[in-house]
């Protein structure tokens, strides 16, 4: 809850409002922050009064009363997902952070993601605050504090990384959007304790996963017969749904004899295999989903359940019917008759707690 002066007050002394774990009113008092901060914004000026003539009578317009702008101090955390183990050698190549043995964590220049990735999300990293998701005004800048690794569910190793920040003297806005270093600008939302929660803003896409990329058709082969022997034979159809371009008309064995275990296929003999993605880091979860023969049509970022870290798979949903195929209770494939290449929606937790 933010404590603000009444909007009907005609004039009031300059007052700062602090949005933090505890909301404080600071009138004329400074506060500490996780790093240095500088308020910025467009310049403005008050026009000079001029005499105007109304019906031949000289009149001087009355200057409006000056109402001071309300400023706030923003305190919160930037939260990144951790995939894999400790140290760069055990970290998933698309993890947003690297965790260290001493419990610290920070962004990194991942060899798998390319470029600087999240390397600017570390102690001393620049935080910029805007009043719009795109465009708008740069309101202030600040710095990140040291990263601290958090395990939100120790029994299941649900790790994430939190870096505190504080930005002083920020012009009050209906919403705030934060950009960490060169990452995407994301909305800052108030968490359960009153402080702001900000996701890293790193890219999450199925196209970043090898097994989720659409297979490319092989280049056409030149005919081996001499030109005088007639037209070249037509090449086989390679545009089937399977990754190897197999014949789409091949029906599954209704007897189940193709399964060496003799167990029935829970998907109705469709050829789509089982997968396990709930609770896994998104890159690992998507690899499992695509490896089972499904196609990730889109990724939805949803609020983070209390027992999951940010960047974890929350559910897999049939894109056509909306039926949940996987969630915390496991797979739900009975009677679905999924076909290979069936489109699904994968829901991935964002940093915002539910």
Protein backbone atom coordinates (compact mmCIF):
# COMPACT_ATOMS: atom_id res chain seq x y z
CA UNK A 1 0.00 0.00 0.00
CA UNK A 2 1.39 3.39 -0.97
CA UNK A 3 0.75 6.39 1.29
CA UNK A 4 0.10 9.45 -0.84
CA UNK A 5 -1.15 12.98 -0.13
CA UNK A 6 -4.78 13.75 -0.92
CA UNK A 7 -5.27 14.64 -4.59
CA UNK A 8 -7.57 17.52 -3.49
CA UNK A 9 -4.87 19.30 -1.52
CA UNK A 10 -4.12 22.65 -3.14
CA UNK A 11 -0.53 22.90 -1.95
CA UNK A 12 1.70 20.73 0.16
CA UNK A 13 5.37 20.51 1.01
CA UNK A 14 7.50 18.18 -1.14
CA UNK A 15 7.00 14.67 0.11
CA UNK A 16 8.63 11.35 -0.79
CA UNK A 17 6.84 8.01 -0.57
CA UNK A 18 8.81 4.82 -0.09
CA UNK A 19 7.59 1.63 -1.77
CA UNK A 20 9.38 -1.20 0.01
CA UNK A 21 8.89 -4.20 2.26
CA UNK A 22 7.38 -1.72 4.70
CA UNK A 23 5.81 1.34 3.12
CA UNK A 24 7.20 4.47 4.71
CA UNK A 25 6.35 8.12 4.30
CA UNK A 26 9.49 10.21 4.00
CA UNK A 27 8.93 13.95 4.04
CA UNK A 28 12.23 15.73 3.70
CA UNK A 29 14.25 12.68 4.86
CA UNK A 30 16.73 10.73 2.71
CA UNK A 31 16.98 6.91 2.62
CA UNK A 32 19.62 4.32 1.79
CA UNK A 33 19.56 2.06 -1.23
CA UNK A 34 21.29 -1.01 -2.63
CA UNK A 35 23.31 1.23 -4.94
CA UNK A 36 23.67 4.79 -6.12
CA UNK A 37 20.76 6.29 -7.97
CA UNK A 38 20.07 9.30 -10.13
CA UNK A 39 16.65 10.72 -10.99
CA UNK A 40 16.26 11.78 -14.61
CA UNK A 41 13.46 12.98 -16.83
CA UNK A 42 12.42 15.47 -19.48
CA UNK A 43 13.11 19.11 -18.76
CA UNK A 44 10.16 21.41 -18.25
CA UNK A 45 9.80 25.16 -17.86
CA UNK A 46 7.09 27.52 -16.70
CA UNK A 47 6.06 30.05 -19.36
CA UNK A 48 6.62 33.72 -18.50
CA UNK A 49 3.46 35.74 -17.84
CA UNK A 50 2.56 38.28 -20.52
CA UNK A 51 0.08 41.13 -20.57
CA UNK A 52 -2.94 40.57 -22.79
CA UNK A 53 -5.60 43.00 -23.92
CA UNK A 54 -9.24 42.11 -23.33
CA UNK A 55 -11.71 44.59 -24.82
CA UNK A 56 -9.00 47.21 -24.75
CA UNK A 57 -8.22 46.57 -21.05
CA UNK A 58 -4.79 45.40 -20.07
CA UNK A 59 -4.89 42.26 -17.87
CA UNK A 60 -2.24 40.03 -16.32
CA UNK A 61 -3.07 36.28 -16.12
CA UNK A 62 -2.93 34.74 -12.67
CA UNK A 63 -0.25 32.04 -12.23
CA UNK A 64 -1.67 28.67 -11.06
CA UNK A 65 -0.65 27.42 -7.64
CA UNK A 66 2.38 25.11 -7.78
CA UNK A 67 1.65 21.53 -6.66
CA UNK A 68 4.83 19.57 -5.88
CA UNK A 69 5.32 16.24 -7.64
CA UNK A 70 5.27 13.15 -5.44
CA UNK A 71 8.48 11.14 -5.49
CA UNK A 72 8.99 7.57 -4.37
CA UNK A 73 11.90 5.35 -3.43
CA UNK A 74 11.65 1.98 -5.15
CA UNK A 75 13.06 -1.04 -3.30
CA UNK A 76 12.85 -4.57 -4.62
CA UNK A 77 14.61 -7.56 -6.16
CA UNK A 78 15.49 -8.65 -9.66
CA UNK A 79 14.95 -12.43 -9.89
CA UNK A 80 16.55 -14.82 -12.37
CA UNK A 81 16.11 -18.54 -13.00
CA UNK A 82 18.79 -21.13 -12.30
CA UNK A 83 19.02 -24.30 -14.35
CA UNK A 84 21.54 -27.03 -13.55
CA UNK A 85 24.06 -27.28 -10.74
CA UNK A 86 26.74 -25.09 -9.18
CA UNK A 87 29.40 -23.35 -11.25
CA UNK A 88 29.49 -22.69 -14.97
CA UNK A 89 30.49 -26.25 -15.82
CA UNK A 90 27.27 -27.65 -14.29
CA UNK A 91 24.92 -24.83 -15.33
CA UNK A 92 22.39 -25.22 -18.14
CA UNK A 93 23.50 -23.19 -21.15
CA UNK A 94 20.21 -21.23 -21.11
CA UNK A 95 20.15 -20.63 -17.37
CA UNK A 96 19.73 -16.95 -16.51
CA UNK A 97 22.27 -17.16 -13.67
CA UNK A 98 25.20 -19.17 -12.38
CA UNK A 99 25.15 -20.25 -8.73
CA UNK A 100 28.36 -20.53 -6.74
CA UNK A 101 29.34 -22.71 -3.79
CA UNK A 102 29.26 -19.75 -1.39
CA UNK A 103 25.57 -19.06 -2.14
CA UNK A 104 26.20 -16.10 -4.42
CA UNK A 105 24.82 -15.90 -7.95
CA UNK A 106 24.90 -13.62 -10.96
CA UNK A 107 24.08 -13.41 -14.64
CA UNK A 108 26.62 -14.63 -17.17
CA UNK A 109 27.71 -14.67 -20.80
CA UNK A 110 26.38 -18.14 -21.61
CA UNK A 111 28.15 -19.97 -24.44
CA UNK A 112 24.82 -21.53 -25.43
CA UNK A 113 22.76 -18.33 -25.52
CA UNK A 114 25.31 -16.23 -27.39
CA UNK A 115 26.24 -12.60 -26.88
CA UNK A 116 26.38 -11.09 -23.41
CA UNK A 117 23.17 -12.95 -22.38
CA UNK A 118 22.54 -11.89 -18.76
CA UNK A 119 26.08 -10.86 -17.81
CA UNK A 120 24.96 -7.36 -16.76
CA UNK A 121 22.73 -8.77 -14.00
CA UNK A 122 25.35 -8.78 -11.27
CA UNK A 123 26.46 -6.65 -8.35
CA UNK A 124 26.84 -3.09 -9.59
CA UNK A 125 24.74 -3.74 -12.70
CA UNK A 126 22.68 -0.82 -13.99
CA UNK A 127 18.93 -0.69 -13.36
CA UNK A 128 16.83 1.78 -15.37
CA UNK A 129 13.26 2.68 -14.42
CA UNK A 130 10.69 3.78 -17.01
CA UNK A 131 7.02 4.74 -16.92
CA UNK A 132 6.02 2.64 -19.96
CA UNK A 133 6.71 -0.78 -21.44
CA UNK A 134 8.01 0.88 -24.60
CA UNK A 135 8.99 4.47 -25.20
CA UNK A 136 7.87 6.66 -22.32
CA UNK A 137 10.31 8.42 -20.04
CA UNK A 138 13.43 7.29 -18.25
CA UNK A 139 12.59 8.17 -14.64
CA UNK A 140 15.74 7.11 -12.78
CA UNK A 141 18.72 4.80 -12.67
CA UNK A 142 20.15 2.66 -9.89
CA UNK A 143 22.51 -0.23 -9.17
CA UNK A 144 22.07 -3.88 -8.24
CA UNK A 145 23.35 -5.33 -5.00
CA UNK A 146 25.03 -8.75 -4.69
CA UNK A 147 23.10 -11.82 -5.86
CA UNK A 148 21.80 -14.34 -3.35
CA UNK A 149 20.78 -17.87 -4.35
CA UNK A 150 17.39 -19.00 -3.01
CA UNK A 151 15.99 -22.53 -2.90
CA UNK A 152 12.22 -22.10 -2.67
CA UNK A 153 11.64 -25.87 -2.35
CA UNK A 154 14.72 -27.63 -0.90
CA UNK A 155 13.21 -31.11 -1.39
CA UNK A 156 13.07 -30.55 -5.16
CA UNK A 157 15.99 -28.17 -5.75
CA UNK A 158 14.05 -25.16 -6.95
CA UNK A 159 16.78 -22.53 -7.21
CA UNK A 160 16.59 -18.92 -8.28
CA UNK A 161 18.75 -15.81 -7.83
CA UNK A 162 17.68 -12.51 -6.23
CA UNK A 163 19.58 -9.24 -6.56
CA UNK A 164 18.30 -6.36 -4.46
CA UNK A 165 18.12 -2.80 -5.75
CA UNK A 166 17.03 0.62 -4.55
CA UNK A 167 16.28 3.70 -6.63
CA UNK A 168 15.56 7.02 -4.92
CA UNK A 169 13.58 10.08 -5.97
CA UNK A 170 11.53 8.46 -8.70
CA UNK A 171 8.58 10.37 -10.07
CA UNK A 172 5.33 8.63 -9.14
CA UNK A 173 3.82 6.58 -11.97
CA UNK A 174 0.85 4.24 -12.34
CA UNK A 175 3.28 1.46 -13.31
CA UNK A 176 7.03 1.02 -13.39
CA UNK A 177 9.04 -0.89 -15.94
CA UNK A 178 12.62 -1.91 -15.23
CA UNK A 179 15.47 -2.73 -17.57
CA UNK A 180 18.54 -4.49 -16.22
CA UNK A 181 21.60 -3.70 -18.33
CA UNK A 182 20.75 -4.63 -21.95
CA UNK A 183 17.93 -7.07 -21.13
CA UNK A 184 14.32 -6.49 -22.12
CA UNK A 185 12.24 -3.96 -20.20
CA UNK A 186 9.78 -5.71 -17.86
CA UNK A 187 7.08 -4.63 -15.45
CA UNK A 188 7.92 -4.29 -11.76
CA UNK A 189 5.09 -5.64 -9.60
CA UNK A 190 4.54 -5.44 -5.87
CA UNK A 191 5.29 -8.73 -4.12
CA UNK A 192 3.60 -10.21 -1.04
CA UNK A 193 5.93 -8.33 1.32
CA UNK A 194 5.41 -4.96 -0.32
CA UNK A 195 8.69 -4.80 -2.24
CA UNK A 196 8.93 -4.83 -6.01
CA UNK A 197 9.61 -8.05 -7.93
CA UNK A 198 11.27 -7.78 -11.34
CA UNK A 199 12.05 -10.71 -13.70
CA UNK A 200 15.38 -10.71 -15.54
CA UNK A 201 13.70 -10.30 -18.90
CA UNK A 202 15.90 -12.82 -20.74
CA UNK A 203 14.53 -14.46 -23.89
CA UNK A 204 12.52 -17.69 -23.59
CA UNK A 205 11.64 -19.42 -26.87
CA UNK A 206 11.16 -22.93 -28.25
CA UNK A 207 13.36 -22.06 -31.22
CA UNK A 208 16.33 -21.95 -28.81
CA UNK A 209 15.97 -25.71 -28.16
CA UNK A 210 17.47 -28.12 -30.72
CA UNK A 211 14.74 -30.75 -30.43
CA UNK A 212 12.02 -28.11 -30.82
CA UNK A 213 13.24 -26.64 -34.10
CA UNK A 214 11.22 -27.62 -37.19
CA UNK A 215 13.12 -30.25 -39.20
CA UNK A 216 14.38 -29.00 -42.55
CA UNK A 217 13.70 -30.97 -45.71
CA UNK A 218 16.80 -32.50 -47.37
CA UNK A 219 18.13 -30.85 -50.49
CA UNK A 220 16.79 -32.42 -53.72
CA UNK A 221 19.11 -35.04 -55.24
CA UNK A 222 20.22 -34.92 -58.87
CA UNK A 223 18.94 -37.85 -61.00
CA UNK A 224 21.45 -40.66 -61.39
CA UNK A 225 20.08 -41.95 -64.73
CA UNK A 226 21.38 -40.39 -67.99
CA UNK A 227 19.23 -37.67 -69.50
CA UNK A 228 18.32 -39.89 -72.47
CA UNK A 229 16.64 -42.47 -70.26
CA UNK A 230 13.56 -40.37 -69.62
CA UNK A 231 12.38 -38.13 -66.80
CA UNK A 232 13.99 -38.51 -63.42
CA UNK A 233 11.96 -40.46 -60.87
CA UNK A 234 10.02 -38.34 -58.46
CA UNK A 235 11.62 -37.99 -55.03
CA UNK A 236 9.80 -39.42 -52.01
CA UNK A 237 7.67 -37.14 -49.89
CA UNK A 238 9.84 -35.74 -47.10
CA UNK A 239 7.33 -33.32 -45.63
CA UNK A 240 5.73 -35.72 -43.18
CA UNK A 241 5.17 -34.79 -39.59
CA UNK A 242 7.97 -36.92 -38.17
CA UNK A 243 11.48 -35.56 -37.71
CA UNK A 244 12.81 -38.03 -40.28
CA UNK A 245 10.13 -37.28 -42.86
CA UNK A 246 8.54 -40.72 -42.48
CA UNK A 247 5.42 -41.73 -44.37
CA UNK A 248 2.46 -40.00 -42.72
CA UNK A 249 0.09 -42.78 -43.85
CA UNK A 250 1.80 -45.50 -41.80
CA UNK A 251 -0.71 -46.65 -39.18
CA UNK A 252 0.38 -47.70 -35.68
CA UNK A 253 0.32 -51.42 -34.90
CA UNK A 254 -3.17 -51.96 -33.33
CA UNK A 255 -1.93 -55.05 -31.49
CA UNK A 256 0.79 -53.22 -29.63
CA UNK A 257 3.28 -55.82 -30.81
CA UNK A 258 5.73 -53.10 -31.77
CA UNK A 259 6.16 -52.33 -28.07
CA UNK A 260 8.69 -54.86 -26.76
CA UNK A 261 7.21 -54.56 -23.27
CA UNK A 262 3.69 -55.30 -24.50
CA UNK A 263 2.37 -52.35 -22.49
CA UNK A 264 -0.52 -50.38 -24.04
CA UNK A 265 0.23 -46.91 -25.36
CA UNK A 266 -1.51 -44.43 -23.02
CA UNK A 267 -2.03 -42.00 -25.90
CA UNK A 268 -4.07 -44.47 -27.91
CA UNK A 269 -1.28 -45.72 -30.17
CA UNK A 270 -0.52 -42.28 -31.61
CA UNK A 271 3.26 -42.56 -31.52
CA UNK A 272 3.67 -39.63 -29.10
CA UNK A 273 5.88 -40.69 -26.25
CA UNK A 274 5.81 -39.81 -22.57
CA UNK A 275 7.65 -36.80 -21.21
CA UNK A 276 8.32 -35.19 -17.86
CA UNK A 277 8.63 -31.42 -17.72
CA UNK A 278 6.76 -30.15 -14.66
CA UNK A 279 9.09 -28.33 -12.29
CA UNK A 280 12.10 -28.55 -14.61
CA UNK A 281 13.95 -25.50 -15.88
CA UNK A 282 12.19 -24.33 -19.05
CA UNK A 283 14.93 -25.31 -21.50
CA UNK A 284 15.10 -28.83 -20.11
CA UNK A 285 11.31 -29.13 -19.96
CA UNK A 286 10.81 -28.01 -23.54
CA UNK A 287 13.45 -30.48 -24.73
CA UNK A 288 11.49 -33.28 -23.07
CA UNK A 289 8.16 -32.14 -24.57
CA UNK A 290 9.55 -31.82 -28.09
CA UNK A 291 11.47 -35.07 -27.75
CA UNK A 292 8.14 -36.84 -27.14
CA UNK A 293 6.94 -35.69 -30.57
CA UNK A 294 4.90 -32.62 -29.63
CA UNK A 295 5.30 -29.13 -31.12
CA UNK A 296 5.48 -26.10 -28.80
CA UNK A 297 3.17 -23.55 -30.39
CA UNK A 298 3.79 -20.88 -27.77
CA UNK A 299 5.07 -20.26 -24.26
CA UNK A 300 2.96 -18.48 -21.67
CA UNK A 301 4.55 -16.82 -18.64
CA UNK A 302 2.38 -17.27 -15.56
CA UNK A 303 2.72 -16.40 -11.87
CA UNK A 304 5.10 -18.50 -9.82
CA UNK A 305 3.64 -21.13 -7.44
CA UNK A 306 5.18 -21.12 -3.98
CA UNK A 307 6.97 -24.46 -4.54
CA UNK A 308 8.50 -23.54 -7.92
CA UNK A 309 11.36 -21.22 -8.78
CA UNK A 310 11.15 -18.76 -11.64
CA UNK A 311 11.67 -20.17 -15.14
CA UNK A 312 10.13 -23.59 -14.36
CA UNK A 313 7.49 -25.49 -16.33
CA UNK A 314 4.09 -25.22 -14.61
CA UNK A 315 1.87 -27.02 -17.14
CA UNK A 316 1.58 -28.34 -20.69
CA UNK A 317 -1.76 -27.70 -22.41
CA UNK A 318 -3.27 -28.92 -25.69
CA UNK A 319 -3.23 -25.82 -27.89
CA UNK A 320 -6.41 -26.83 -29.70
CA UNK A 321 -8.66 -27.96 -26.85
CA UNK A 322 -7.14 -26.28 -23.80
CA UNK A 323 -7.00 -29.65 -22.02
CA UNK A 324 -4.17 -29.87 -19.50
CA UNK A 325 -1.83 -32.66 -20.53
CA UNK A 326 0.65 -32.26 -17.69
CA UNK A 327 0.72 -30.44 -14.36
CA UNK A 328 1.90 -31.02 -10.80
CA UNK A 329 -0.02 -34.30 -10.61
CA UNK A 330 1.69 -35.77 -13.68
CA UNK A 331 0.67 -36.64 -17.25
CA UNK A 332 -3.01 -36.77 -18.30
CA UNK A 333 -2.94 -38.59 -21.63
CA UNK A 334 -5.72 -41.16 -21.33
CA UNK A 335 -8.04 -40.87 -24.31
CA UNK A 336 -6.27 -37.86 -25.82
CA UNK A 337 -5.07 -39.65 -29.01
CA UNK A 338 -2.34 -37.12 -29.64
CA UNK A 339 -0.71 -37.19 -33.04
CA UNK A 340 2.93 -36.56 -33.67
CA UNK A 341 3.50 -32.84 -34.09
CA UNK A 342 0.39 -31.90 -32.09
CA UNK A 343 0.66 -28.27 -30.94
CA UNK A 344 0.90 -27.55 -27.23
CA UNK A 345 1.20 -24.50 -25.00
CA UNK A 346 3.85 -24.63 -22.29
CA UNK A 347 3.26 -22.48 -19.22
CA UNK A 348 6.44 -21.26 -17.54
CA UNK A 349 6.66 -19.51 -14.19
CA UNK A 350 7.69 -15.87 -14.10
CA UNK A 351 9.32 -14.23 -11.08
CA UNK A 352 6.00 -12.82 -9.81
CA UNK A 353 4.65 -14.97 -6.94
CA UNK A 354 1.05 -16.19 -7.23
